[in-house]
Amino acid sequence: MELTFLGTGAGMPAKHRNVTSIAIKHLYDGSVWLFDCGEATQHQILHTSIKPRKIDKIFITHLHGDHIFGLPGLLGSRSFLEGTEPLHVYGPDGIRDFIETSLKISGTHLKYDLHIHEIDEGIVYEDDRLLICAKKLDHAILSFGYRVVEKDKPGPLLVEKLKREGIMPGPIYKQLKNGETVQLEDGRTISGFDYVGSSKKGRILTVLGDTRFCESSINLAKDADILVHEATFDKRSEEIAHQYFHSTTVQAAKVAFQAGVKKLFITHISSRYEKKDWPILEQEAKEIFPDTEIAYDLKVVHL
């Protein structure tokens, strides 16, 4: 997977930080998922290799404007750019009304099927490779965090072991790879589980919406390879962060530490902090969780 931070600011666009959006590009098929779609997200996409027609899923954390005001424009542009494959949007109650009203009033006609899913806690999407679950956070309005889990990959077929035991390549290899029990021509019965190596652990990515420090964040981030956590305020602003249902740099780092994640990216940075302040914010988090980076617009991370 390839992670691109399209917007890393909070509340409103700033000179160096657009409002929130994150893209995940799946390298096995080139498809793209978005997490949130703040104003001018499609402008940010123009500075990347991402093709809007390849976006097939959008996950919205909550319905504050800095997370959704770019959505109607992107949906329309995807149609203009010959996007014909279905698109699925997942989000809290109200996301359907927002999208359908925006498209209706603006007279926007889509050339593809749009599927809108108003979600609750639990598994919101699953295929043969990935599973995504959502959990409510602690924000002024309903806000979700998403945990993206790559399913474990089956281990390799132990071909050399099979050959040493006189079992030559053929259709039987596929059966054994699938874990089936097979009877050989010489009368032996063997199990595929004895000829498959250890499975490869799937990776975990956690993307949280706006939130105060809460237990749900820790649960969603448990053992994640990457945690993306908002850090709207610095460590001295814990009281105002609580008042506005947001987190500080230190609180984000505490979630990462308690969840046992490998890497933390802090984002959703208030425009009150100038570029010269960013290293200070990063260092505040690093004092609690050393493997922290502050995200910036168009930053690309490989997972």
C-alpha atoms as a PDB file:
ATOM      1  CA  MET A   1       0.000   0.000   0.000  1.00  0.00           C
ATOM      2  CA  GLU A   2       1.026   3.585  -0.632  1.00  0.00           C
ATOM      3  CA  LEU A   3      -0.284   6.290   1.679  1.00  0.00           C
ATOM      4  CA  THR A   4      -0.540   9.906   0.458  1.00  0.00           C
ATOM      5  CA  PHE A   5      -1.486  12.773   2.762  1.00  0.00           C
ATOM      6  CA  LEU A   6      -3.544  15.058   0.515  1.00  0.00           C
ATOM      7  CA  GLY A   7      -4.471  17.456   3.297  1.00  0.00           C
ATOM      8  CA  THR A   8      -3.108  17.738   6.827  1.00  0.00           C
ATOM      9  CA  GLY A   9      -4.662  20.911   8.225  1.00  0.00           C
ATOM     10  CA  ALA A  10      -7.549  21.529  10.597  1.00  0.00           C
ATOM     11  CA  GLY A  11     -10.714  23.573  10.264  1.00  0.00           C
ATOM     12  CA  MET A  12      -9.956  25.575   7.149  1.00  0.00           C
ATOM     13  CA  PRO A  13      -7.356  25.621   4.365  1.00  0.00           C
ATOM     14  CA  ALA A  14      -4.047  27.310   5.192  1.00  0.00           C
ATOM     15  CA  LYS A  15      -1.133  28.375   3.016  1.00  0.00           C
ATOM     16  CA  HIS A  16       0.913  25.242   3.678  1.00  0.00           C
ATOM     17  CA  ARG A  17      -1.794  22.779   4.731  1.00  0.00           C
ATOM     18  CA  ASN A  18      -5.040  21.934   2.992  1.00  0.00           C
ATOM     19  CA  VAL A  19      -7.912  20.408   4.959  1.00  0.00           C
ATOM     20  CA  THR A  20      -8.162  16.707   5.629  1.00  0.00           C
ATOM     21  CA  SER A  21      -7.869  13.888   3.116  1.00  0.00           C
ATOM     22  CA  ILE A  22      -5.725  10.776   2.922  1.00  0.00           C
ATOM     23  CA  ALA A  23      -5.375   8.436  -0.057  1.00  0.00           C
ATOM     24  CA  ILE A  24      -4.401   4.779  -0.005  1.00  0.00           C
ATOM     25  CA  LYS A  25      -3.218   3.321  -3.301  1.00  0.00           C
ATOM     26  CA  HIS A  26      -3.335  -0.445  -3.517  1.00  0.00           C
ATOM     27  CA  LEU A  27      -0.286  -1.436  -5.492  1.00  0.00           C
ATOM     28  CA  TYR A  28      -1.621  -4.865  -6.490  1.00  0.00           C
ATOM     29  CA  ASP A  29      -4.369  -3.362  -8.694  1.00  0.00           C
ATOM     30  CA  GLY A  30      -3.883   0.423  -8.662  1.00  0.00           C
ATOM     31  CA  SER A  31      -7.214   1.118  -6.968  1.00  0.00           C
ATOM     32  CA  VAL A  32      -7.424   4.069  -4.572  1.00  0.00           C
ATOM     33  CA  TRP A  33      -9.337   4.591  -1.347  1.00  0.00           C
ATOM     34  CA  LEU A  34      -9.848   8.010   0.229  1.00  0.00           C
ATOM     35  CA  PHE A  35     -10.282   8.729   3.903  1.00  0.00           C
ATOM     36  CA  ASP A  36     -12.159  12.051   4.144  1.00  0.00           C
ATOM     37  CA  CYS A  37     -12.445  14.574   1.354  1.00  0.00           C
ATOM     38  CA  GLY A  38     -12.059  18.142   2.531  1.00  0.00           C
ATOM     39  CA  GLU A  39     -12.388  21.202   0.312  1.00  0.00           C
ATOM     40  CA  ALA A  40      -9.984  21.200  -2.688  1.00  0.00           C
ATOM     41  CA  THR A  41      -9.020  17.557  -2.292  1.00  0.00           C
ATOM     42  CA  GLN A  42      -9.270  17.161  -6.061  1.00  0.00           C
ATOM     43  CA  HIS A  43      -6.831  20.072  -6.476  1.00  0.00           C
ATOM     44  CA  GLN A  44      -4.362  18.237  -4.251  1.00  0.00           C
ATOM     45  CA  ILE A  45      -4.799  15.087  -6.319  1.00  0.00           C
ATOM     46  CA  LEU A  46      -3.600  17.025  -9.371  1.00  0.00           C
ATOM     47  CA  HIS A  47      -0.143  17.163  -7.756  1.00  0.00           C
ATOM     48  CA  THR A  48       0.027  13.368  -7.447  1.00  0.00           C
ATOM     49  CA  SER A  49      -0.104  10.308  -9.700  1.00  0.00           C
ATOM     50  CA  ILE A  50      -3.561   9.419  -8.377  1.00  0.00           C
ATOM     51  CA  LYS A  51      -6.282   9.111 -11.014  1.00  0.00           C
ATOM     52  CA  PRO A  52      -9.778  10.081  -9.766  1.00  0.00           C
ATOM     53  CA  ARG A  53     -11.362   7.367 -11.910  1.00  0.00           C
ATOM     54  CA  LYS A  54      -9.336   4.796  -9.944  1.00  0.00           C
ATOM     55  CA  ILE A  55     -10.898   5.904  -6.650  1.00  0.00           C
ATOM     56  CA  ASP A  56     -13.476   3.239  -5.849  1.00  0.00           C
ATOM     57  CA  LYS A  57     -14.050   3.727  -2.112  1.00  0.00           C
ATOM     58  CA  ILE A  58     -14.278   6.791   0.116  1.00  0.00           C
ATOM     59  CA  PHE A  59     -14.466   6.493   3.891  1.00  0.00           C
ATOM     60  CA  ILE A  60     -15.736   9.583   5.734  1.00  0.00           C
ATOM     61  CA  THR A  61     -14.890   9.882   9.432  1.00  0.00           C
ATOM     62  CA  HIS A  62     -17.435  12.595  10.265  1.00  0.00           C
ATOM     63  CA  LEU A  63     -19.528  15.317   8.690  1.00  0.00           C
ATOM     64  CA  HIS A  64     -17.672  18.499   9.643  1.00  0.00           C
ATOM     65  CA  GLY A  65     -17.046  20.628   6.583  1.00  0.00           C
ATOM     66  CA  ASP A  66     -13.267  20.324   6.575  1.00  0.00           C
ATOM     67  CA  HIS A  67     -13.737  16.591   6.012  1.00  0.00           C
ATOM     68  CA  ILE A  68     -16.532  16.540   3.392  1.00  0.00           C
ATOM     69  CA  PHE A  69     -16.815  19.826   1.457  1.00  0.00           C
ATOM     70  CA  GLY A  70     -14.599  18.494  -1.337  1.00  0.00           C
ATOM     71  CA  LEU A  71     -16.749  15.425  -1.887  1.00  0.00           C
ATOM     72  CA  PRO A  72     -19.437  16.712  -4.334  1.00  0.00           C
ATOM     73  CA  GLY A  73     -16.824  18.261  -6.618  1.00  0.00           C
ATOM     74  CA  LEU A  74     -14.705  15.130  -6.663  1.00  0.00           C
ATOM     75  CA  LEU A  75     -17.712  12.940  -7.449  1.00  0.00           C
ATOM     76  CA  GLY A  76     -18.572  15.159 -10.395  1.00  0.00           C
ATOM     77  CA  SER A  77     -15.007  15.344 -11.695  1.00  0.00           C
ATOM     78  CA  ARG A  78     -14.657  11.581 -11.525  1.00  0.00           C
ATOM     79  CA  SER A  79     -17.553  11.385 -13.977  1.00  0.00           C
ATOM     80  CA  PHE A  80     -16.043  14.014 -16.305  1.00  0.00           C
ATOM     81  CA  LEU A  81     -12.768  12.048 -16.278  1.00  0.00           C
ATOM     82  CA  GLU A  82     -14.455   8.921 -17.669  1.00  0.00           C
ATOM     83  CA  GLY A  83     -14.821   7.160 -14.358  1.00  0.00           C
ATOM     84  CA  THR A  84     -17.412   4.502 -15.099  1.00  0.00           C
ATOM     85  CA  GLU A  85     -16.727   1.889 -12.420  1.00  0.00           C
ATOM     86  CA  PRO A  86     -18.978   1.904  -9.311  1.00  0.00           C
ATOM     87  CA  LEU A  87     -17.940   4.056  -6.366  1.00  0.00           C
ATOM     88  CA  HIS A  88     -18.785   3.288  -2.729  1.00  0.00           C
ATOM     89  CA  VAL A  89     -18.928   5.977  -0.023  1.00  0.00           C
ATOM     90  CA  TYR A  90     -19.014   4.991   3.643  1.00  0.00           C
ATOM     91  CA  GLY A  91     -19.801   7.398   6.456  1.00  0.00           C
ATOM     92  CA  PRO A  92     -22.005   8.371   9.406  1.00  0.00           C
ATOM     93  CA  ASP A  93     -25.740   8.978   9.240  1.00  0.00           C
ATOM     94  CA  GLY A  94     -26.362  12.073   7.150  1.00  0.00           C
ATOM     95  CA  ILE A  95     -23.750  11.402   4.490  1.00  0.00           C
ATOM     96  CA  ARG A  96     -26.467  10.232   2.083  1.00  0.00           C
ATOM     97  CA  ASP A  97     -28.491  13.438   2.494  1.00  0.00           C
ATOM     98  CA  PHE A  98     -25.382  15.578   2.029  1.00  0.00           C
ATOM     99  CA  ILE A  99     -24.298  13.857  -1.170  1.00  0.00           C
ATOM    100  CA  GLU A 100     -27.721  13.447  -2.757  1.00  0.00           C
ATOM    101  CA  THR A 101     -28.770  17.025  -1.975  1.00  0.00           C
ATOM    102  CA  SER A 102     -25.494  18.464  -3.312  1.00  0.00           C
ATOM    103  CA  LEU A 103     -25.740  16.502  -6.557  1.00  0.00           C
ATOM    104  CA  LYS A 104     -29.451  17.232  -7.034  1.00  0.00           C
ATOM    105  CA  ILE A 105     -29.289  20.991  -6.445  1.00  0.00           C
ATOM    106  CA  SER A 106     -26.174  21.385  -8.606  1.00  0.00           C
ATOM    107  CA  GLY A 107     -27.644  19.288 -11.417  1.00  0.00           C
ATOM    108  CA  THR A 108     -24.637  16.963 -11.349  1.00  0.00           C
ATOM    109  CA  HIS A 109     -25.128  13.783 -13.349  1.00  0.00           C
ATOM    110  CA  LEU A 110     -22.848  10.832 -12.670  1.00  0.00           C
ATOM    111  CA  LYS A 111     -21.913   8.289 -15.334  1.00  0.00           C
ATOM    112  CA  TYR A 112     -21.237   5.611 -12.754  1.00  0.00           C
ATOM    113  CA  ASP A 113     -23.169   3.846 -10.014  1.00  0.00           C
ATOM    114  CA  LEU A 114     -22.780   5.549  -6.638  1.00  0.00           C
ATOM    115  CA  HIS A 115     -23.404   3.423  -3.554  1.00  0.00           C
ATOM    116  CA  ILE A 116     -23.720   5.243  -0.229  1.00  0.00           C
ATOM    117  CA  HIS A 117     -23.381   3.278   3.002  1.00  0.00           C
ATOM    118  CA  GLU A 118     -24.354   4.877   6.308  1.00  0.00           C
ATOM    119  CA  ILE A 119     -22.347   2.898   8.816  1.00  0.00           C
ATOM    120  CA  ASP A 120     -22.290   1.955  12.463  1.00  0.00           C
ATOM    121  CA  GLU A 121     -19.613   0.334  14.590  1.00  0.00           C
ATOM    122  CA  GLY A 122     -18.225  -2.973  13.418  1.00  0.00           C
ATOM    123  CA  ILE A 123     -17.017  -4.375  10.105  1.00  0.00           C
ATOM    124  CA  VAL A 124     -17.943  -1.971   7.307  1.00  0.00           C
ATOM    125  CA  TYR A 125     -16.103  -3.651   4.430  1.00  0.00           C
ATOM    126  CA  GLU A 126     -14.422  -6.968   3.722  1.00  0.00           C
ATOM    127  CA  ASP A 127     -12.961  -8.731   0.693  1.00  0.00           C
ATOM    128  CA  ASP A 128     -10.478 -11.564   0.240  1.00  0.00           C
ATOM    129  CA  ARG A 129      -7.520  -9.287   1.031  1.00  0.00           C
ATOM    130  CA  LEU A 130      -8.696  -6.638   3.484  1.00  0.00           C
ATOM    131  CA  LEU A 131     -11.081  -5.983   6.326  1.00  0.00           C
ATOM    132  CA  ILE A 132     -12.129  -2.566   7.621  1.00  0.00           C
ATOM    133  CA  CYS A 133     -13.836  -1.986  10.936  1.00  0.00           C
ATOM    134  CA  ALA A 134     -15.087   1.268  12.409  1.00  0.00           C
ATOM    135  CA  LYS A 135     -15.493   2.487  15.960  1.00  0.00           C
ATOM    136  CA  LYS A 136     -16.993   5.642  17.435  1.00  0.00           C
ATOM    137  CA  LEU A 137     -14.601   8.232  18.822  1.00  0.00           C
ATOM    138  CA  ASP A 138     -15.122  11.177  21.186  1.00  0.00           C
ATOM    139  CA  HIS A 139     -15.911  14.272  19.145  1.00  0.00           C
ATOM    140  CA  ALA A 140     -18.498  17.058  19.069  1.00  0.00           C
ATOM    141  CA  ILE A 141     -20.490  15.104  16.471  1.00  0.00           C
ATOM    142  CA  LEU A 142     -20.464  11.426  15.543  1.00  0.00           C
ATOM    143  CA  SER A 143     -16.927  10.635  14.411  1.00  0.00           C
ATOM    144  CA  PHE A 144     -15.466   7.280  13.416  1.00  0.00           C
ATOM    145  CA  GLY A 145     -12.007   5.807  13.349  1.00  0.00           C
ATOM    146  CA  TYR A 146     -11.156   3.126  10.792  1.00  0.00           C
ATOM    147  CA  ARG A 147      -8.913   0.090  11.234  1.00  0.00           C
ATOM    148  CA  VAL A 148      -7.690  -1.372   7.934  1.00  0.00           C
ATOM    149  CA  VAL A 149      -6.480  -4.942   8.375  1.00  0.00           C
ATOM    150  CA  GLU A 150      -4.660  -6.821   5.654  1.00  0.00           C
ATOM    151  CA  LYS A 151      -5.481 -10.496   6.000  1.00  0.00           C
ATOM    152  CA  ASP A 152      -2.593 -12.858   6.674  1.00  0.00           C
ATOM    153  CA  LYS A 153      -1.072 -14.251   3.505  1.00  0.00           C
ATOM    154  CA  PRO A 154      -0.778 -18.064   3.238  1.00  0.00           C
ATOM    155  CA  GLY A 155       2.718 -19.431   3.519  1.00  0.00           C
ATOM    156  CA  PRO A 156       4.609 -20.825   0.517  1.00  0.00           C
ATOM    157  CA  LEU A 157       4.260 -24.414  -0.620  1.00  0.00           C
ATOM    158  CA  LEU A 158       7.335 -26.332   0.540  1.00  0.00           C
ATOM    159  CA  VAL A 159       8.214 -27.661  -2.900  1.00  0.00           C
ATOM    160  CA  GLU A 160      11.672 -28.990  -2.012  1.00  0.00           C
ATOM    161  CA  LYS A 161      10.251 -30.981   0.894  1.00  0.00           C
ATOM    162  CA  LEU A 162       7.657 -32.520  -1.431  1.00  0.00           C
ATOM    163  CA  LYS A 163      10.300 -33.476  -3.993  1.00  0.00           C
ATOM    164  CA  ARG A 164      12.523 -35.019  -1.319  1.00  0.00           C
ATOM    165  CA  GLU A 165       9.590 -37.235  -0.386  1.00  0.00           C
ATOM    166  CA  GLY A 166       9.077 -38.232  -4.007  1.00  0.00           C
ATOM    167  CA  ILE A 167       5.993 -36.093  -4.612  1.00  0.00           C
ATOM    168  CA  MET A 168       6.461 -34.469  -7.983  1.00  0.00           C
ATOM    169  CA  PRO A 169       4.751 -31.326  -9.361  1.00  0.00           C
ATOM    170  CA  GLY A 170       1.217 -31.643 -10.666  1.00  0.00           C
ATOM    171  CA  PRO A 171      -2.412 -30.898  -9.732  1.00  0.00           C
ATOM    172  CA  ILE A 172      -1.713 -32.337  -6.292  1.00  0.00           C
ATOM    173  CA  TYR A 173       0.426 -29.277  -5.468  1.00  0.00           C
ATOM    174  CA  LYS A 174      -2.610 -27.001  -5.729  1.00  0.00           C
ATOM    175  CA  GLN A 175      -4.617 -29.286  -3.467  1.00  0.00           C
ATOM    176  CA  LEU A 176      -1.860 -29.309  -0.878  1.00  0.00           C
ATOM    177  CA  LYS A 177      -1.467 -25.521  -1.115  1.00  0.00           C
ATOM    178  CA  ASN A 178      -5.164 -25.264  -0.247  1.00  0.00           C
ATOM    179  CA  GLY A 179      -4.611 -27.375   2.851  1.00  0.00           C
ATOM    180  CA  GLU A 180      -6.423 -30.411   1.528  1.00  0.00           C
ATOM    181  CA  THR A 181      -5.732 -33.981   2.588  1.00  0.00           C
ATOM    182  CA  VAL A 182      -4.633 -36.115  -0.373  1.00  0.00           C
ATOM    183  CA  GLN A 183      -4.115 -39.838  -0.878  1.00  0.00           C
ATOM    184  CA  LEU A 184      -1.088 -40.679  -3.025  1.00  0.00           C
ATOM    185  CA  GLU A 185      -0.850 -43.501  -5.559  1.00  0.00           C
ATOM    186  CA  ASP A 186       1.405 -45.448  -3.192  1.00  0.00           C
ATOM    187  CA  GLY A 187      -1.324 -45.412  -0.536  1.00  0.00           C
ATOM    188  CA  ARG A 188       0.102 -42.667   1.681  1.00  0.00           C
ATOM    189  CA  THR A 189      -2.283 -40.011   2.978  1.00  0.00           C
ATOM    190  CA  ILE A 190      -0.766 -36.578   3.461  1.00  0.00           C
ATOM    191  CA  SER A 191      -2.085 -33.250   4.678  1.00  0.00           C
ATOM    192  CA  GLY A 192      -1.409 -29.979   2.913  1.00  0.00           C
ATOM    193  CA  PHE A 193      -0.845 -28.280   6.264  1.00  0.00           C
ATOM    194  CA  ASP A 194       2.392 -30.269   6.610  1.00  0.00           C
ATOM    195  CA  TYR A 195       3.758 -28.827   3.361  1.00  0.00           C
ATOM    196  CA  VAL A 196       2.931 -25.138   3.659  1.00  0.00           C
ATOM    197  CA  GLY A 197       5.232 -22.655   5.364  1.00  0.00           C
ATOM    198  CA  SER A 198       4.273 -20.105   7.979  1.00  0.00           C
ATOM    199  CA  SER A 199       1.756 -17.472   6.934  1.00  0.00           C
ATOM    200  CA  LYS A 200       2.879 -13.873   6.494  1.00  0.00           C
ATOM    201  CA  LYS A 201       1.299 -11.480   8.963  1.00  0.00           C
ATOM    202  CA  GLY A 202      -0.900  -8.859   7.333  1.00  0.00           C
ATOM    203  CA  ARG A 203      -0.304  -5.171   7.948  1.00  0.00           C
ATOM    204  CA  ILE A 204      -2.597  -2.873   9.919  1.00  0.00           C
ATOM    205  CA  LEU A 205      -3.334   0.787   9.251  1.00  0.00           C
ATOM    206  CA  THR A 206      -5.458   2.888  11.605  1.00  0.00           C
ATOM    207  CA  VAL A 207      -6.900   6.232  10.496  1.00  0.00           C
ATOM    208  CA  LEU A 208      -8.773   8.166  13.159  1.00  0.00           C
ATOM    209  CA  GLY A 209     -11.250  10.980  12.706  1.00  0.00           C
ATOM    210  CA  ASP A 210     -11.301  14.015  14.982  1.00  0.00           C
ATOM    211  CA  THR A 211     -11.358  12.960  18.616  1.00  0.00           C
ATOM    212  CA  ARG A 212     -10.403  13.594  22.177  1.00  0.00           C
ATOM    213  CA  PHE A 213      -8.090  11.090  23.851  1.00  0.00           C
ATOM    214  CA  CYS A 214     -10.254   7.984  24.334  1.00  0.00           C
ATOM    215  CA  GLU A 215     -10.169   4.220  24.788  1.00  0.00           C
ATOM    216  CA  SER A 216     -11.703   3.609  21.337  1.00  0.00           C
ATOM    217  CA  SER A 217      -8.627   5.146  19.709  1.00  0.00           C
ATOM    218  CA  ILE A 218      -6.352   2.752  21.548  1.00  0.00           C
ATOM    219  CA  ASN A 219      -8.493  -0.259  20.614  1.00  0.00           C
ATOM    220  CA  LEU A 220      -8.566   0.712  16.933  1.00  0.00           C
ATOM    221  CA  ALA A 221      -4.801   1.244  16.881  1.00  0.00           C
ATOM    222  CA  LYS A 222      -3.824  -1.948  18.728  1.00  0.00           C
ATOM    223  CA  ASP A 223      -0.560  -3.296  17.217  1.00  0.00           C
ATOM    224  CA  ALA A 224      -1.000  -1.205  14.048  1.00  0.00           C
ATOM    225  CA  ASP A 225       1.923  -0.770  11.681  1.00  0.00           C
ATOM    226  CA  ILE A 226       0.848   2.836  11.123  1.00  0.00           C
ATOM    227  CA  LEU A 227      -1.445   5.070  13.167  1.00  0.00           C
ATOM    228  CA  VAL A 228      -2.686   8.361  11.713  1.00  0.00           C
ATOM    229  CA  HIS A 229      -3.906  10.498  14.613  1.00  0.00           C
ATOM    230  CA  GLU A 230      -5.019  14.101  14.758  1.00  0.00           C
ATOM    231  CA  ALA A 231      -2.898  16.500  16.819  1.00  0.00           C
ATOM    232  CA  THR A 232      -4.729  19.773  16.412  1.00  0.00           C
ATOM    233  CA  PHE A 233      -3.035  21.434  19.397  1.00  0.00           C
ATOM    234  CA  ASP A 234       0.310  21.495  21.191  1.00  0.00           C
ATOM    235  CA  LYS A 235       0.883  19.938  24.603  1.00  0.00           C
ATOM    236  CA  ARG A 236       0.233  23.199  26.459  1.00  0.00           C
ATOM    237  CA  SER A 237      -3.273  23.444  25.002  1.00  0.00           C
ATOM    238  CA  GLU A 238      -4.839  20.357  26.563  1.00  0.00           C
ATOM    239  CA  GLU A 239      -7.720  22.343  28.087  1.00  0.00           C
ATOM    240  CA  ILE A 240      -8.720  24.001  24.808  1.00  0.00           C
ATOM    241  CA  ALA A 241      -8.276  20.700  22.982  1.00  0.00           C
ATOM    242  CA  HIS A 242     -10.746  19.076  25.357  1.00  0.00           C
ATOM    243  CA  GLN A 243     -13.137  21.990  24.993  1.00  0.00           C
ATOM    244  CA  TYR A 244     -13.167  21.630  21.203  1.00  0.00           C
ATOM    245  CA  PHE A 245     -13.172  17.796  21.211  1.00  0.00           C
ATOM    246  CA  HIS A 246      -9.664  17.474  19.777  1.00  0.00           C
ATOM    247  CA  SER A 247      -6.301  16.027  20.791  1.00  0.00           C
ATOM    248  CA  THR A 248      -2.851  17.385  21.522  1.00  0.00           C
ATOM    249  CA  THR A 249       0.478  16.115  20.239  1.00  0.00           C
ATOM    250  CA  VAL A 250       1.134  14.369  23.539  1.00  0.00           C
ATOM    251  CA  GLN A 251      -2.296  12.736  23.640  1.00  0.00           C
ATOM    252  CA  ALA A 252      -1.796  11.326  20.135  1.00  0.00           C
ATOM    253  CA  ALA A 253       1.578   9.952  21.234  1.00  0.00           C
ATOM    254  CA  LYS A 254       0.020   8.354  24.324  1.00  0.00           C
ATOM    255  CA  VAL A 255      -2.483   6.530  22.130  1.00  0.00           C
ATOM    256  CA  ALA A 256       0.375   5.234  19.961  1.00  0.00           C
ATOM    257  CA  PHE A 257       2.376   4.145  23.003  1.00  0.00           C
ATOM    258  CA  GLN A 258      -0.509   2.406  24.766  1.00  0.00           C
ATOM    259  CA  ALA A 259      -1.652   0.698  21.549  1.00  0.00           C
ATOM    260  CA  GLY A 260       1.824  -0.621  20.772  1.00  0.00           C
ATOM    261  CA  VAL A 261       1.910   0.740  17.224  1.00  0.00           C
ATOM    262  CA  LYS A 262       5.053   0.782  15.108  1.00  0.00           C
ATOM    263  CA  LYS A 263       4.760   4.260  13.595  1.00  0.00           C
ATOM    264  CA  LEU A 264       2.725   7.381  14.362  1.00  0.00           C
ATOM    265  CA  PHE A 265       1.879  10.179  11.948  1.00  0.00           C
ATOM    266  CA  ILE A 266       0.295  13.254  13.491  1.00  0.00           C
ATOM    267  CA  THR A 267      -1.941  15.361  11.276  1.00  0.00           C
ATOM    268  CA  HIS A 268      -4.915  17.798  11.371  1.00  0.00           C
ATOM    269  CA  ILE A 269      -2.577  20.561  12.529  1.00  0.00           C
ATOM    270  CA  SER A 270      -4.193  23.870  13.489  1.00  0.00           C
ATOM    271  CA  SER A 271      -3.364  26.854  11.269  1.00  0.00           C
ATOM    272  CA  ARG A 272      -2.281  28.726  14.404  1.00  0.00           C
ATOM    273  CA  TYR A 273       1.030  26.858  14.122  1.00  0.00           C
ATOM    274  CA  GLU A 274       3.406  28.270  11.538  1.00  0.00           C
ATOM    275  CA  LYS A 275       5.895  26.194   9.586  1.00  0.00           C
ATOM    276  CA  LYS A 276       8.647  27.003  12.076  1.00  0.00           C
ATOM    277  CA  ASP A 277       6.493  25.431  14.813  1.00  0.00           C
ATOM    278  CA  TRP A 278       6.102  22.041  13.132  1.00  0.00           C
ATOM    279  CA  PRO A 279       9.401  20.538  14.401  1.00  0.00           C
ATOM    280  CA  ILE A 280       8.395  21.570  17.923  1.00  0.00           C
ATOM    281  CA  LEU A 281       5.049  19.789  17.613  1.00  0.00           C
ATOM    282  CA  GLU A 282       6.786  16.682  16.304  1.00  0.00           C
ATOM    283  CA  GLN A 283       9.300  16.731  19.140  1.00  0.00           C
ATOM    284  CA  GLU A 284       6.518  17.004  21.741  1.00  0.00           C
ATOM    285  CA  ALA A 285       5.047  13.741  20.466  1.00  0.00           C
ATOM    286  CA  LYS A 286       8.467  12.096  20.168  1.00  0.00           C
ATOM    287  CA  GLU A 287       9.089  12.634  23.886  1.00  0.00           C
ATOM    288  CA  ILE A 288       6.306  10.094  24.502  1.00  0.00           C
ATOM    289  CA  PHE A 289       6.499   8.007  21.322  1.00  0.00           C
ATOM    290  CA  PRO A 290       9.873   8.327  19.542  1.00  0.00           C
ATOM    291  CA  ASP A 291       8.799   6.907  16.164  1.00  0.00           C
ATOM    292  CA  THR A 292       6.585   9.865  15.325  1.00  0.00           C
ATOM    293  CA  GLU A 293       6.489  12.038  12.225  1.00  0.00           C
ATOM    294  CA  ILE A 294       4.404  15.108  11.584  1.00  0.00           C
ATOM    295  CA  ALA A 295       2.556  14.719   8.294  1.00  0.00           C
ATOM    296  CA  TYR A 296       2.588  17.387   5.600  1.00  0.00           C
ATOM    297  CA  ASP A 297       0.625  17.822   2.405  1.00  0.00           C
ATOM    298  CA  LEU A 298       1.585  15.407  -0.405  1.00  0.00           C
ATOM    299  CA  LYS A 299       3.801  13.326   1.863  1.00  0.00           C
ATOM    300  CA  VAL A 300       3.944   9.719   0.587  1.00  0.00           C
ATOM    301  CA  VAL A 301       4.450   6.734   2.891  1.00  0.00           C
ATOM    302  CA  HIS A 302       4.972   3.128   1.793  1.00  0.00           C
ATOM    303  CA  LEU A 303       3.402   0.437   3.938  1.00  0.00           C
END
